[in-house]
N, C-alpha and C. Protein backbone atom coordinates (compact mmCIF):
# COMPACT_ATOMS: atom_id res chain seq x y z
N UNK A 1 0.69 -1.50 0.12
CA UNK A 1 -0.15 0.05 -0.44
C UNK A 1 1.18 1.00 0.02
N UNK A 2 0.71 1.65 -1.05
CA UNK A 2 1.23 3.63 -1.39
C UNK A 2 0.94 4.08 -0.11
N UNK A 3 1.76 5.45 -0.05
CA UNK A 3 0.81 6.34 0.80
C UNK A 3 1.45 7.69 0.25
N UNK A 4 0.89 8.78 0.82
CA UNK A 4 1.42 10.30 0.43
C UNK A 4 0.99 11.55 1.23
N UNK A 5 1.83 11.93 0.74
CA UNK A 5 1.88 13.18 1.87
C UNK A 5 0.22 14.32 1.68
N UNK A 6 -0.01 14.48 3.22
CA UNK A 6 -1.12 15.83 2.51
C UNK A 6 -1.38 17.34 3.84
N UNK A 7 -1.44 18.08 3.35
CA UNK A 7 -1.42 18.79 4.62
C UNK A 7 0.30 19.42 4.93
N UNK A 8 0.77 19.48 3.76
CA UNK A 8 2.42 19.45 4.23
C UNK A 8 2.29 20.81 4.31
N UNK A 9 3.38 21.04 5.83
CA UNK A 9 3.48 22.60 6.31
C UNK A 9 5.10 22.66 6.58
N UNK A 10 5.92 24.11 6.26
CA UNK A 10 7.19 24.23 6.34
C UNK A 10 7.32 25.33 7.55
N UNK A 11 8.29 24.87 7.91
CA UNK A 11 8.66 26.36 9.71
C UNK A 11 10.11 26.45 9.02
N UNK A 12 10.46 27.52 9.39
CA UNK A 12 11.92 27.44 9.77
C UNK A 12 12.43 28.41 10.89
N UNK A 13 13.89 27.85 11.08
CA UNK A 13 14.16 27.65 12.34
C UNK A 13 15.29 28.46 12.04
N UNK A 14 15.90 29.12 13.19
CA UNK A 14 17.15 29.66 13.75
C UNK A 14 17.25 29.60 15.02
N UNK A 15 18.27 29.29 14.91
CA UNK A 15 19.04 29.19 16.74
C UNK A 15 20.21 29.50 16.78
N UNK A 16 20.16 30.19 17.83
CA UNK A 16 20.53 31.18 18.52
C UNK A 16 21.74 31.25 19.92
N UNK A 17 23.16 31.51 20.29
CA UNK A 17 23.21 31.09 21.58
C UNK A 17 23.28 32.27 22.29
N UNK A 18 22.21 31.98 23.33
CA UNK A 18 22.21 32.31 25.19
C UNK A 18 23.28 32.92 25.40
N UNK A 19 24.17 32.37 25.46
CA UNK A 19 25.13 32.48 26.32
C UNK A 19 25.47 31.17 27.07
N UNK A 20 26.60 30.75 27.94
CA UNK A 20 27.19 29.44 28.82
C UNK A 20 25.96 29.41 30.05
N UNK A 21 26.07 28.42 29.86
CA UNK A 21 25.77 27.98 31.45
C UNK A 21 26.73 28.12 32.84
N UNK A 22 26.01 27.37 34.41
CA UNK A 22 27.01 28.00 35.30
C UNK A 22 29.31 26.61 34.54
N UNK A 23 28.60 25.21 33.78
CA UNK A 23 29.27 24.68 33.74
C UNK A 23 29.79 24.86 32.43
N UNK A 24 30.30 25.83 31.74
CA UNK A 24 30.54 26.53 30.57
C UNK A 24 30.10 26.05 29.24
N UNK A 25 29.16 25.30 29.37
CA UNK A 25 28.21 24.67 28.29
C UNK A 25 27.64 25.59 27.71
N UNK A 26 27.52 25.59 26.11
CA UNK A 26 26.36 26.33 25.63
C UNK A 26 25.25 26.46 25.59
N UNK A 27 24.63 27.33 25.80
CA UNK A 27 22.90 27.82 26.28
C UNK A 27 22.09 27.63 24.81
N UNK A 28 21.62 28.21 23.84
CA UNK A 28 21.22 28.51 22.88
C UNK A 28 18.98 27.86 22.66
N UNK A 29 18.71 28.32 21.74
CA UNK A 29 17.36 28.70 21.76
C UNK A 29 17.04 29.17 20.46
N UNK A 30 15.86 28.58 20.40
CA UNK A 30 15.30 28.51 18.62
C UNK A 30 14.78 29.50 18.33
N UNK A 31 14.28 30.12 17.64
CA UNK A 31 13.72 31.08 17.03
C UNK A 31 12.82 30.29 15.95
N UNK A 32 11.48 30.21 15.86
CA UNK A 32 10.62 29.15 14.88
C UNK A 32 9.98 30.22 13.85
N UNK A 33 9.59 30.24 13.18
CA UNK A 33 9.03 31.18 12.00
C UNK A 33 7.88 29.19 11.35
N UNK A 34 7.23 30.52 11.06
CA UNK A 34 5.62 29.35 10.72
C UNK A 34 5.04 29.55 9.59
N UNK A 35 4.32 28.53 8.55
CA UNK A 35 3.87 28.84 7.24
C UNK A 35 4.81 29.77 6.50
N UNK A 36 5.79 28.63 6.69
CA UNK A 36 6.04 29.83 5.72
C UNK A 36 5.56 28.11 4.10
N UNK A 37 6.33 28.28 3.13
CA UNK A 37 5.97 28.20 2.07
C UNK A 37 6.39 26.56 1.59
N UNK A 38 5.50 25.30 2.02
CA UNK A 38 6.30 24.31 1.88
C UNK A 38 7.68 24.06 0.21
N UNK A 39 6.88 24.60 -0.97
CA UNK A 39 7.36 24.45 -1.67
C UNK A 39 9.46 25.45 -2.25
N UNK A 40 9.19 25.90 -1.24
CA UNK A 40 10.80 26.55 -1.01
C UNK A 40 11.52 25.74 -1.76
N UNK A 41 12.89 25.81 -1.76
CA UNK A 41 14.16 25.00 -1.83
C UNK A 41 14.91 25.43 -0.79
N UNK A 42 15.57 24.98 -0.18
CA UNK A 42 16.36 24.83 0.78
C UNK A 42 17.11 25.42 0.82
N UNK A 43 18.17 25.77 0.00
CA UNK A 43 18.67 26.98 -0.67
C UNK A 43 17.91 28.41 -0.66
N UNK A 44 17.25 28.82 -1.02
CA UNK A 44 15.92 29.66 -1.24
C UNK A 44 15.62 30.17 1.05
N UNK A 45 15.02 28.75 1.67
CA UNK A 45 15.23 29.25 3.11
C UNK A 45 16.07 29.52 4.05
N UNK A 46 17.35 29.13 3.08
CA UNK A 46 18.52 29.19 4.16
C UNK A 46 18.31 30.64 3.78
N UNK A 47 18.19 31.22 2.76
CA UNK A 47 19.00 32.82 2.80
C UNK A 47 17.85 33.52 3.33
N UNK A 48 16.10 33.25 3.60
CA UNK A 48 16.07 33.67 3.36
C UNK A 48 16.34 33.49 5.80
N UNK A 49 16.14 32.64 6.14
CA UNK A 49 17.12 32.03 7.32
C UNK A 49 18.02 33.48 7.98
N UNK A 50 19.01 33.24 6.78
CA UNK A 50 20.63 34.10 6.73
C UNK A 50 19.78 35.36 7.06
N UNK A 51 19.02 36.34 5.92
CA UNK A 51 18.16 37.64 5.99
C UNK A 51 17.83 38.05 7.63
N UNK A 52 17.15 37.06 8.00
CA UNK A 52 15.83 36.89 8.94
C UNK A 52 16.77 37.40 10.62
N UNK A 53 18.34 36.05 10.60
CA UNK A 53 19.09 36.10 11.51
C UNK A 53 19.86 37.42 11.84
N UNK A 54 20.13 38.39 10.84
CA UNK A 54 20.47 40.02 10.65
C UNK A 54 19.56 40.48 12.69
N UNK A 55 18.68 39.92 12.23
CA UNK A 55 18.11 40.98 13.54
C UNK A 55 17.75 39.59 14.20
N UNK A 56 18.20 39.60 14.70
CA UNK A 56 18.55 38.21 16.04
C UNK A 56 19.08 39.33 16.90
N UNK A 57 20.07 39.84 17.99
CA UNK A 57 20.55 39.68 19.55
C UNK A 57 21.77 38.99 19.22
N UNK A 58 21.04 38.03 19.15
CA UNK A 58 22.36 35.97 19.20
C UNK A 58 22.73 36.48 18.10
N UNK A 59 24.37 35.52 18.73
CA UNK A 59 24.83 35.39 17.90
C UNK A 59 24.31 33.40 17.11
N UNK A 60 24.47 33.49 15.55
CA UNK A 60 23.51 32.36 15.06
C UNK A 60 24.10 31.74 14.99
N UNK A 61 23.62 30.04 15.83
CA UNK A 61 24.00 28.95 15.32
C UNK A 61 24.25 27.99 13.63
N UNK A 62 22.64 28.15 14.04
CA UNK A 62 22.36 27.68 12.27
C UNK A 62 21.03 28.06 11.88
N UNK A 63 20.62 27.85 11.05
CA UNK A 63 19.71 27.74 10.32
C UNK A 63 19.04 26.53 10.14
N UNK A 64 18.09 26.10 10.67
CA UNK A 64 16.85 24.19 9.39
C UNK A 64 15.39 24.76 9.35
N UNK A 65 15.65 23.81 8.95
CA UNK A 65 14.43 23.99 8.07
C UNK A 65 13.51 22.50 8.07
N UNK A 66 11.69 22.27 9.00
CA UNK A 66 11.62 21.76 10.10
C UNK A 66 9.60 21.44 8.41
N UNK A 67 10.28 20.17 7.93
CA UNK A 67 8.53 19.89 7.12
C UNK A 67 8.10 18.50 8.34
N UNK A 68 7.14 18.69 7.82
CA UNK A 68 5.84 17.72 8.35
C UNK A 68 5.00 17.25 7.40
N UNK A 69 4.13 16.50 7.59
CA UNK A 69 2.96 16.36 6.91
C UNK A 69 2.26 15.71 7.52
N UNK A 70 1.05 15.13 6.77
CA UNK A 70 0.05 13.51 7.49
C UNK A 70 0.11 13.10 5.89
N UNK A 71 0.35 11.68 7.13
CA UNK A 71 0.11 10.49 5.41
C UNK A 71 -0.76 10.02 5.45
N UNK A 72 -0.99 10.00 4.79
CA UNK A 72 -2.79 8.37 4.15
C UNK A 72 -2.78 8.19 2.96
N UNK A 73 -3.09 7.12 3.18
CA UNK A 73 -2.57 5.93 1.95
C UNK A 73 -3.28 5.67 0.17
N UNK A 74 -2.70 6.11 -0.57
CA UNK A 74 -2.61 6.61 -1.88
C UNK A 74 -4.50 5.50 -2.06
């Protein structure tokens, strides 16, 4: 039985370094922006994330993409 994707969504995630904990380990937070067009290429998503990262107070650690969908039988 084959499955197909329905209701596919994408989110942009920007991971920022917020400081260090008492043990000296890096602490981080993720800024997530929803309702991103799931048809955008990874390169376009990275470019958008890099541009939005300029508005963050903290140092940028990574730009990511979170895709999700509901799987139904075809």
